[in-house]
Amino acid sequence: MRRSATKEQSFEHLQKALDAGYNKLEQFDSDAHLASLRRDPWLAKMRQEVEHNLKPCASTPENRQFDFWLGEWNVQTTQGGVPAGHSKN
């Protein structure tokens, strides 16, 4: 798909803002100046970058290390049935 020069410039400016850390997701989703770009798939990709800038740690593998901990569980000791741990998330 060929973009007009104006659209191309808009995407270049948006990319510069993203590279500088732009992370205003609500503004990005509602800004009337972006209305003409909403159907372009490149804007959806840029939205993902805004989300990443907003929560940069959410996509790091280290952030998933305690996923096994989620849920509800009890740990009983084998001697006397004394609870050794409980978790409820």
PDB file of N, CA and C in Angstrom:
ATOM      1  N   MET A   1       0.846  -1.180   0.000  1.00  0.00           N
ATOM      2  CA  MET A   1       0.000   0.000   0.000  1.00  0.00           C
ATOM      3  C   MET A   1       0.889   1.240   0.000  1.00  0.00           C
ATOM      4  N   ARG A   2       0.633   2.116  -0.914  1.00  0.00           N
ATOM      5  CA  ARG A   2       1.399   3.364  -1.050  1.00  0.00           C
ATOM      6  C   ARG A   2       0.756   4.446  -0.200  1.00  0.00           C
ATOM      7  N   ARG A   3       1.551   5.118   0.578  1.00  0.00           N
ATOM      8  CA  ARG A   3       1.058   6.214   1.416  1.00  0.00           C
ATOM      9  C   ARG A   3       1.390   7.552   0.772  1.00  0.00           C
ATOM     10  N   SER A   4       0.573   8.546   1.066  1.00  0.00           N
ATOM     11  CA  SER A   4       0.854   9.886   0.565  1.00  0.00           C
ATOM     12  C   SER A   4       2.036  10.459   1.344  1.00  0.00           C
ATOM     13  N   ALA A   5       2.631  11.505   0.787  1.00  0.00           N
ATOM     14  CA  ALA A   5       3.776  12.146   1.440  1.00  0.00           C
ATOM     15  C   ALA A   5       3.384  12.689   2.805  1.00  0.00           C
ATOM     16  N   THR A   6       2.162  13.214   2.913  1.00  0.00           N
ATOM     17  CA  THR A   6       1.699  13.757   4.193  1.00  0.00           C
ATOM     18  C   THR A   6       1.576  12.647   5.231  1.00  0.00           C
ATOM     19  N   LYS A   7       1.006  11.508   4.831  1.00  0.00           N
ATOM     20  CA  LYS A   7       0.895  10.375   5.753  1.00  0.00           C
ATOM     21  C   LYS A   7       2.272   9.876   6.141  1.00  0.00           C
ATOM     22  N   GLU A   8       3.157   9.809   5.182  1.00  0.00           N
ATOM     23  CA  GLU A   8       4.513   9.338   5.454  1.00  0.00           C
ATOM     24  C   GLU A   8       5.198  10.252   6.477  1.00  0.00           C
ATOM     25  N   GLN A   9       5.021  11.545   6.322  1.00  0.00           N
ATOM     26  CA  GLN A   9       5.594  12.502   7.272  1.00  0.00           C
ATOM     27  C   GLN A   9       4.961  12.336   8.657  1.00  0.00           C
ATOM     28  N   SER A  10       3.662  12.084   8.676  1.00  0.00           N
ATOM     29  CA  SER A  10       2.979  11.881   9.962  1.00  0.00           C
ATOM     30  C   SER A  10       3.571  10.681  10.688  1.00  0.00           C
ATOM     31  N   PHE A  11       3.773   9.593   9.950  1.00  0.00           N
ATOM     32  CA  PHE A  11       4.344   8.398  10.560  1.00  0.00           C
ATOM     33  C   PHE A  11       5.791   8.626  11.014  1.00  0.00           C
ATOM     34  N   GLU A  12       6.528   9.405  10.256  1.00  0.00           N
ATOM     35  CA  GLU A  12       7.908   9.724  10.655  1.00  0.00           C
ATOM     36  C   GLU A  12       7.923  10.498  11.979  1.00  0.00           C
ATOM     37  N   HIS A  13       7.021  11.470  12.094  1.00  0.00           N
ATOM     38  CA  HIS A  13       6.949  12.260  13.330  1.00  0.00           C
ATOM     39  C   HIS A  13       6.489  11.398  14.507  1.00  0.00           C
ATOM     40  N   LEU A  14       5.511  10.533  14.250  1.00  0.00           N
ATOM     41  CA  LEU A  14       5.057   9.633  15.308  1.00  0.00           C
ATOM     42  C   LEU A  14       6.189   8.715  15.764  1.00  0.00           C
ATOM     43  N   GLN A  15       6.959   8.218  14.806  1.00  0.00           N
ATOM     44  CA  GLN A  15       8.056   7.329  15.154  1.00  0.00           C
ATOM     45  C   GLN A  15       9.100   8.054  16.003  1.00  0.00           C
ATOM     46  N   LYS A  16       9.366   9.298  15.683  1.00  0.00           N
ATOM     47  CA  LYS A  16      10.308  10.082  16.494  1.00  0.00           C
ATOM     48  C   LYS A  16       9.793  10.224  17.926  1.00  0.00           C
ATOM     49  N   ALA A  17       8.493  10.459  18.064  1.00  0.00           N
ATOM     50  CA  ALA A  17       7.908  10.576  19.400  1.00  0.00           C
ATOM     51  C   ALA A  17       8.018   9.245  20.149  1.00  0.00           C
ATOM     52  N   LEU A  18       7.750   8.145  19.450  1.00  0.00           N
ATOM     53  CA  LEU A  18       7.866   6.825  20.074  1.00  0.00           C
ATOM     54  C   LEU A  18       9.299   6.534  20.490  1.00  0.00           C
ATOM     55  N   ASP A  19      10.235   6.860  19.630  1.00  0.00           N
ATOM     56  CA  ASP A  19      11.648   6.645  19.940  1.00  0.00           C
ATOM     57  C   ASP A  19      12.090   7.463  21.148  1.00  0.00           C
ATOM     58  N   ALA A  20      11.418   8.593  21.372  1.00  0.00           N
ATOM     59  CA  ALA A  20      11.739   9.454  22.514  1.00  0.00           C
ATOM     60  C   ALA A  20      10.982   9.036  23.777  1.00  0.00           C
ATOM     61  N   GLY A  21      10.163   7.960  23.667  1.00  0.00           N
ATOM     62  CA  GLY A  21       9.486   7.434  24.842  1.00  0.00           C
ATOM     63  C   GLY A  21       8.014   7.799  24.990  1.00  0.00           C
ATOM     64  N   TYR A  22       7.393   8.320  23.945  1.00  0.00           N
ATOM     65  CA  TYR A  22       5.973   8.688  24.025  1.00  0.00           C
ATOM     66  C   TYR A  22       5.154   7.509  24.533  1.00  0.00           C
ATOM     67  N   ASN A  23       4.304   7.749  25.564  1.00  0.00           N
ATOM     68  CA  ASN A  23       3.549   6.656  26.167  1.00  0.00           C
ATOM     69  C   ASN A  23       2.123   7.037  26.586  1.00  0.00           C
ATOM     70  N   LYS A  24       1.549   8.003  25.955  1.00  0.00           N
ATOM     71  CA  LYS A  24       0.206   8.478  26.305  1.00  0.00           C
ATOM     72  C   LYS A  24      -0.833   7.697  25.489  1.00  0.00           C
ATOM     73  N   LEU A  25      -1.172   6.499  25.961  1.00  0.00           N
ATOM     74  CA  LEU A  25      -2.034   5.588  25.224  1.00  0.00           C
ATOM     75  C   LEU A  25      -3.434   6.158  24.988  1.00  0.00           C
ATOM     76  N   GLU A  26      -4.033   6.749  26.008  1.00  0.00           N
ATOM     77  CA  GLU A  26      -5.379   7.317  25.847  1.00  0.00           C
ATOM     78  C   GLU A  26      -5.384   8.431  24.808  1.00  0.00           C
ATOM     79  N   GLN A  27      -4.377   9.271  24.836  1.00  0.00           N
ATOM     80  CA  GLN A  27      -4.275  10.348  23.856  1.00  0.00           C
ATOM     81  C   GLN A  27      -4.081   9.768  22.456  1.00  0.00           C
ATOM     82  N   PHE A  28      -3.219   8.773  22.348  1.00  0.00           N
ATOM     83  CA  PHE A  28      -2.958   8.132  21.062  1.00  0.00           C
ATOM     84  C   PHE A  28      -4.249   7.554  20.479  1.00  0.00           C
ATOM     85  N   ASP A  29      -5.058   6.924  21.325  1.00  0.00           N
ATOM     86  CA  ASP A  29      -6.296   6.288  20.857  1.00  0.00           C
ATOM     87  C   ASP A  29      -7.388   7.276  20.500  1.00  0.00           C
ATOM     88  N   SER A  30      -7.362   8.470  21.074  1.00  0.00           N
ATOM     89  CA  SER A  30      -8.468   9.401  20.847  1.00  0.00           C
ATOM     90  C   SER A  30      -8.088  10.652  20.064  1.00  0.00           C
ATOM     91  N   ASP A  31      -6.836  10.850  19.751  1.00  0.00           N
ATOM     92  CA  ASP A  31      -6.398  12.078  19.090  1.00  0.00           C
ATOM     93  C   ASP A  31      -7.034  12.213  17.700  1.00  0.00           C
ATOM     94  N   ALA A  32      -7.761  13.295  17.506  1.00  0.00           N
ATOM     95  CA  ALA A  32      -8.451  13.546  16.228  1.00  0.00           C
ATOM     96  C   ALA A  32      -7.463  13.725  15.074  1.00  0.00           C
ATOM     97  N   HIS A  33      -6.232  14.151  15.380  1.00  0.00           N
ATOM     98  CA  HIS A  33      -5.243  14.338  14.326  1.00  0.00           C
ATOM     99  C   HIS A  33      -4.805  13.018  13.699  1.00  0.00           C
ATOM    100  N   LEU A  34      -5.052  11.922  14.396  1.00  0.00           N
ATOM    101  CA  LEU A  34      -4.674  10.613  13.871  1.00  0.00           C
ATOM    102  C   LEU A  34      -5.831   9.902  13.168  1.00  0.00           C
ATOM    103  N   ALA A  35      -6.988  10.550  13.106  1.00  0.00           N
ATOM    104  CA  ALA A  35      -8.186   9.931  12.531  1.00  0.00           C
ATOM    105  C   ALA A  35      -7.949   9.421  11.109  1.00  0.00           C
ATOM    106  N   SER A  36      -7.255  10.189  10.304  1.00  0.00           N
ATOM    107  CA  SER A  36      -7.036   9.776   8.909  1.00  0.00           C
ATOM    108  C   SER A  36      -6.060   8.604   8.791  1.00  0.00           C
ATOM    109  N   LEU A  37      -5.360   8.288   9.872  1.00  0.00           N
ATOM    110  CA  LEU A  37      -4.384   7.192   9.850  1.00  0.00           C
ATOM    111  C   LEU A  37      -4.919   5.919  10.490  1.00  0.00           C
ATOM    112  N   ARG A  38      -6.081   5.966  11.098  1.00  0.00           N
ATOM    113  CA  ARG A  38      -6.606   4.848  11.883  1.00  0.00           C
ATOM    114  C   ARG A  38      -6.728   3.544  11.085  1.00  0.00           C
ATOM    115  N   ARG A  39      -6.984   3.612   9.805  1.00  0.00           N
ATOM    116  CA  ARG A  39      -7.148   2.394   9.003  1.00  0.00           C
ATOM    117  C   ARG A  39      -5.821   1.807   8.530  1.00  0.00           C
ATOM    118  N   ASP A  40      -4.751   2.524   8.721  1.00  0.00           N
ATOM    119  CA  ASP A  40      -3.444   2.052   8.268  1.00  0.00           C
ATOM    120  C   ASP A  40      -2.888   1.053   9.290  1.00  0.00           C
ATOM    121  N   PRO A  41      -2.497  -0.141   8.843  1.00  0.00           N
ATOM    122  CA  PRO A  41      -1.975  -1.149   9.777  1.00  0.00           C
ATOM    123  C   PRO A  41      -0.718  -0.694  10.516  1.00  0.00           C
ATOM    124  N   TRP A  42       0.007   0.250   9.949  1.00  0.00           N
ATOM    125  CA  TRP A  42       1.227   0.733  10.592  1.00  0.00           C
ATOM    126  C   TRP A  42       0.890   1.443  11.913  1.00  0.00           C
ATOM    127  N   LEU A  43      -0.281   2.079  11.974  1.00  0.00           N
ATOM    128  CA  LEU A  43      -0.675   2.764  13.208  1.00  0.00           C
ATOM    129  C   LEU A  43      -0.910   1.743  14.325  1.00  0.00           C
ATOM    130  N   ALA A  44      -1.447   0.586  13.991  1.00  0.00           N
ATOM    131  CA  ALA A  44      -1.653  -0.467  14.998  1.00  0.00           C
ATOM    132  C   ALA A  44      -0.310  -0.924  15.548  1.00  0.00           C
ATOM    133  N   LYS A  45       0.686  -1.035  14.686  1.00  0.00           N
ATOM    134  CA  LYS A  45       2.024  -1.413  15.134  1.00  0.00           C
ATOM    135  C   LYS A  45       2.595  -0.331  16.061  1.00  0.00           C
ATOM    136  N   MET A  46       2.365   0.909  15.704  1.00  0.00           N
ATOM    137  CA  MET A  46       2.846   2.011  16.535  1.00  0.00           C
ATOM    138  C   MET A  46       2.137   2.030  17.881  1.00  0.00           C
ATOM    139  N   ARG A  47       0.875   1.644  17.896  1.00  0.00           N
ATOM    140  CA  ARG A  47       0.135   1.586  19.162  1.00  0.00           C
ATOM    141  C   ARG A  47       0.797   0.575  20.100  1.00  0.00           C
ATOM    142  N   GLN A  48       1.265  -0.520  19.562  1.00  0.00           N
ATOM    143  CA  GLN A  48       1.973  -1.505  20.377  1.00  0.00           C
ATOM    144  C   GLN A  48       3.242  -0.894  20.983  1.00  0.00           C
ATOM    145  N   GLU A  49       3.891  -0.050  20.226  1.00  0.00           N
ATOM    146  CA  GLU A  49       5.084   0.635  20.751  1.00  0.00           C
ATOM    147  C   GLU A  49       4.722   1.593  21.877  1.00  0.00           C
ATOM    148  N   VAL A  50       3.567   2.270  21.742  1.00  0.00           N
ATOM    149  CA  VAL A  50       3.104   3.165  22.809  1.00  0.00           C
ATOM    150  C   VAL A  50       2.858   2.336  24.080  1.00  0.00           C
ATOM    151  N   GLU A  51       2.203   1.171  23.925  1.00  0.00           N
ATOM    152  CA  GLU A  51       1.954   0.290  25.069  1.00  0.00           C
ATOM    153  C   GLU A  51       3.270  -0.145  25.706  1.00  0.00           C
ATOM    154  N   HIS A  52       4.238  -0.484  24.878  1.00  0.00           N
ATOM    155  CA  HIS A  52       5.543  -0.898  25.400  1.00  0.00           C
ATOM    156  C   HIS A  52       6.212   0.257  26.153  1.00  0.00           C
ATOM    157  N   ASN A  53       6.123   1.467  25.614  1.00  0.00           N
ATOM    158  CA  ASN A  53       6.706   2.629  26.290  1.00  0.00           C
ATOM    159  C   ASN A  53       6.012   2.902  27.621  1.00  0.00           C
ATOM    160  N   LEU A  54       4.709   2.622  27.674  1.00  0.00           N
ATOM    161  CA  LEU A  54       3.945   2.846  28.897  1.00  0.00           C
ATOM    162  C   LEU A  54       4.321   1.835  29.983  1.00  0.00           C
ATOM    163  N   LYS A  55       4.516   0.576  29.578  1.00  0.00           N
ATOM    164  CA  LYS A  55       4.846  -0.497  30.526  1.00  0.00           C
ATOM    165  C   LYS A  55       6.019  -1.312  29.979  1.00  0.00           C
ATOM    166  N   PRO A  56       7.204  -0.752  30.000  1.00  0.00           N
ATOM    167  CA  PRO A  56       8.349  -1.420  29.366  1.00  0.00           C
ATOM    168  C   PRO A  56       8.722  -2.752  30.000  1.00  0.00           C
ATOM    169  N   CYS A  57       8.477  -2.916  31.267  1.00  0.00           N
ATOM    170  CA  CYS A  57       8.857  -4.171  31.928  1.00  0.00           C
ATOM    171  C   CYS A  57       7.876  -5.301  31.648  1.00  0.00           C
ATOM    172  N   ALA A  58       6.696  -4.978  31.163  1.00  0.00           N
ATOM    173  CA  ALA A  58       5.677  -6.004  30.935  1.00  0.00           C
ATOM    174  C   ALA A  58       6.108  -7.028  29.890  1.00  0.00           C
ATOM    175  N   SER A  59       7.022  -6.664  29.022  1.00  0.00           N
ATOM    176  CA  SER A  59       7.428  -7.583  27.957  1.00  0.00           C
ATOM    177  C   SER A  59       8.775  -8.251  28.214  1.00  0.00           C
ATOM    178  N   THR A  60       9.318  -8.096  29.416  1.00  0.00           N
ATOM    179  CA  THR A  60      10.607  -8.718  29.710  1.00  0.00           C
ATOM    180  C   THR A  60      10.401 -10.116  30.299  1.00  0.00           C
ATOM    181  N   PRO A  61      11.255 -11.070  29.950  1.00  0.00           N
ATOM    182  CA  PRO A  61      11.118 -12.431  30.475  1.00  0.00           C
ATOM    183  C   PRO A  61      11.206 -12.489  32.003  1.00  0.00           C
ATOM    184  N   GLU A  62      11.983 -11.611  32.597  1.00  0.00           N
ATOM    185  CA  GLU A  62      12.128 -11.592  34.049  1.00  0.00           C
ATOM    186  C   GLU A  62      10.791 -11.338  34.742  1.00  0.00           C
ATOM    187  N   ASN A  63       9.918 -10.637  34.046  1.00  0.00           N
ATOM    188  CA  ASN A  63       8.620 -10.298  34.605  1.00  0.00           C
ATOM    189  C   ASN A  63       7.714 -11.513  34.745  1.00  0.00           C
ATOM    190  N   ARG A  64       8.052 -12.625  34.112  1.00  0.00           N
ATOM    191  CA  ARG A  64       7.222 -13.825  34.118  1.00  0.00           C
ATOM    192  C   ARG A  64       7.759 -14.907  35.057  1.00  0.00           C
ATOM    193  N   GLN A  65       8.829 -14.634  35.786  1.00  0.00           N
ATOM    194  CA  GLN A  65       9.486 -15.666  36.574  1.00  0.00           C
ATOM    195  C   GLN A  65       8.639 -16.223  37.719  1.00  0.00           C
ATOM    196  N   PHE A  66       7.698 -15.463  38.220  1.00  0.00           N
ATOM    197  CA  PHE A  66       6.891 -15.946  39.333  1.00  0.00           C
ATOM    198  C   PHE A  66       5.470 -16.314  38.910  1.00  0.00           C
ATOM    199  N   ASP A  67       5.239 -16.531  37.630  1.00  0.00           N
ATOM    200  CA  ASP A  67       3.905 -16.914  37.174  1.00  0.00           C
ATOM    201  C   ASP A  67       3.437 -18.217  37.818  1.00  0.00           C
ATOM    202  N   PHE A  68       4.364 -19.114  38.143  1.00  0.00           N
ATOM    203  CA  PHE A  68       3.993 -20.369  38.788  1.00  0.00           C
ATOM    204  C   PHE A  68       3.321 -20.135  40.130  1.00  0.00           C
ATOM    205  N   TRP A  69       3.537 -18.958  40.712  1.00  0.00           N
ATOM    206  CA  TRP A  69       3.045 -18.641  42.036  1.00  0.00           C
ATOM    207  C   TRP A  69       1.555 -18.290  42.013  1.00  0.00           C
ATOM    208  N   LEU A  70       1.043 -17.931  40.851  1.00  0.00           N
ATOM    209  CA  LEU A  70      -0.339 -17.469  40.738  1.00  0.00           C
ATOM    210  C   LEU A  70      -1.326 -18.572  41.073  1.00  0.00           C
ATOM    211  N   GLY A  71      -2.443 -18.190  41.607  1.00  0.00           N
ATOM    212  CA  GLY A  71      -3.484 -19.143  41.947  1.00  0.00           C
ATOM    213  C   GLY A  71      -3.645 -19.258  43.448  1.00  0.00           C
ATOM    214  N   GLU A  72      -4.337 -20.294  43.850  1.00  0.00           N
ATOM    215  CA  GLU A  72      -4.543 -20.539  45.273  1.00  0.00           C
ATOM    216  C   GLU A  72      -3.953 -21.890  45.601  1.00  0.00           C
ATOM    217  N   TRP A  73      -3.145 -21.946  46.629  1.00  0.00           N
ATOM    218  CA  TRP A  73      -2.519 -23.215  47.016  1.00  0.00           C
ATOM    219  C   TRP A  73      -2.166 -23.220  48.490  1.00  0.00           C
ATOM    220  N   ASN A  74      -2.052 -24.422  49.032  1.00  0.00           N
ATOM    221  CA  ASN A  74      -1.656 -24.654  50.422  1.00  0.00           C
ATOM    222  C   ASN A  74      -0.505 -25.643  50.424  1.00  0.00           C
ATOM    223  N   VAL A  75       0.425 -25.450  51.323  1.00  0.00           N
ATOM    224  CA  VAL A  75       1.534 -26.389  51.498  1.00  0.00           C
ATOM    225  C   VAL A  75       1.440 -26.938  52.915  1.00  0.00           C
ATOM    226  N   GLN A  76       1.340 -28.243  53.010  1.00  0.00           N
ATOM    227  CA  GLN A  76       1.298 -28.910  54.301  1.00  0.00           C
ATOM    228  C   GLN A  76       2.625 -29.625  54.520  1.00  0.00           C
ATOM    229  N   THR A  77       3.123 -29.586  55.732  1.00  0.00           N
ATOM    230  CA  THR A  77       4.329 -30.358  56.033  1.00  0.00           C
ATOM    231  C   THR A  77       3.927 -31.819  56.185  1.00  0.00           C
ATOM    232  N   THR A  78       4.862 -32.693  55.999  1.00  0.00           N
ATOM    233  CA  THR A  78       4.564 -34.119  56.137  1.00  0.00           C
ATOM    234  C   THR A  78       4.523 -34.549  57.596  1.00  0.00           C
ATOM    235  N   GLN A  79       5.025 -33.745  58.487  1.00  0.00           N
ATOM    236  CA  GLN A  79       5.047 -34.092  59.915  1.00  0.00           C
ATOM    237  C   GLN A  79       3.974 -33.299  60.660  1.00  0.00           C
ATOM    238  N   GLY A  80       2.927 -33.969  61.027  1.00  0.00           N
ATOM    239  CA  GLY A  80       1.903 -33.335  61.844  1.00  0.00           C
ATOM    240  C   GLY A  80       0.888 -32.505  61.081  1.00  0.00           C
ATOM    241  N   GLY A  81       0.989 -32.369  59.774  1.00  0.00           N
ATOM    242  CA  GLY A  81       0.024 -31.616  58.989  1.00  0.00           C
ATOM    243  C   GLY A  81      -0.022 -30.126  59.296  1.00  0.00           C
ATOM    244  N   VAL A  82       1.070 -29.588  59.796  1.00  0.00           N
ATOM    245  CA  VAL A  82       1.137 -28.157  60.107  1.00  0.00           C
ATOM    246  C   VAL A  82       1.302 -27.389  58.797  1.00  0.00           C
ATOM    247  N   PRO A  83       0.449 -26.399  58.568  1.00  0.00           N
ATOM    248  CA  PRO A  83       0.580 -25.618  57.325  1.00  0.00           C
ATOM    249  C   PRO A  83       1.950 -24.947  57.227  1.00  0.00           C
ATOM    250  N   ALA A  84       2.573 -25.115  56.071  1.00  0.00           N
ATOM    251  CA  ALA A  84       3.878 -24.499  55.835  1.00  0.00           C
ATOM    252  C   ALA A  84       3.745 -23.291  54.919  1.00  0.00           C
ATOM    253  N   GLY A  85       2.613 -23.151  54.276  1.00  0.00           N
ATOM    254  CA  GLY A  85       2.437 -22.006  53.398  1.00  0.00           C
ATOM    255  C   GLY A  85       1.053 -21.962  52.805  1.00  0.00           C
ATOM    256  N   HIS A  86       0.604 -20.767  52.436  1.00  0.00           N
ATOM    257  CA  HIS A  86      -0.712 -20.559  51.816  1.00  0.00           C
ATOM    258  C   HIS A  86      -0.604 -19.338  50.907  1.00  0.00           C
ATOM    259  N   SER A  87      -1.260 -19.430  49.785  1.00  0.00           N
ATOM    260  CA  SER A  87      -1.298 -18.275  48.883  1.00  0.00           C
ATOM    261  C   SER A  87      -2.654 -18.197  48.223  1.00  0.00           C
ATOM    262  N   LYS A  88      -3.177 -17.002  48.127  1.00  0.00           N
ATOM    263  CA  LYS A  88      -4.425 -16.768  47.410  1.00  0.00           C
ATOM    264  C   LYS A  88      -4.287 -15.469  46.647  1.00  0.00           C
ATOM    265  N   ASN A  89      -4.356 -15.533  45.318  1.00  0.00           N
ATOM    266  CA  ASN A  89      -4.212 -14.338  44.474  1.00  0.00           C
ATOM    267  C   ASN A  89      -5.514 -14.007  43.820  1.00  0.00           C
TER     268      ASN A  89
END
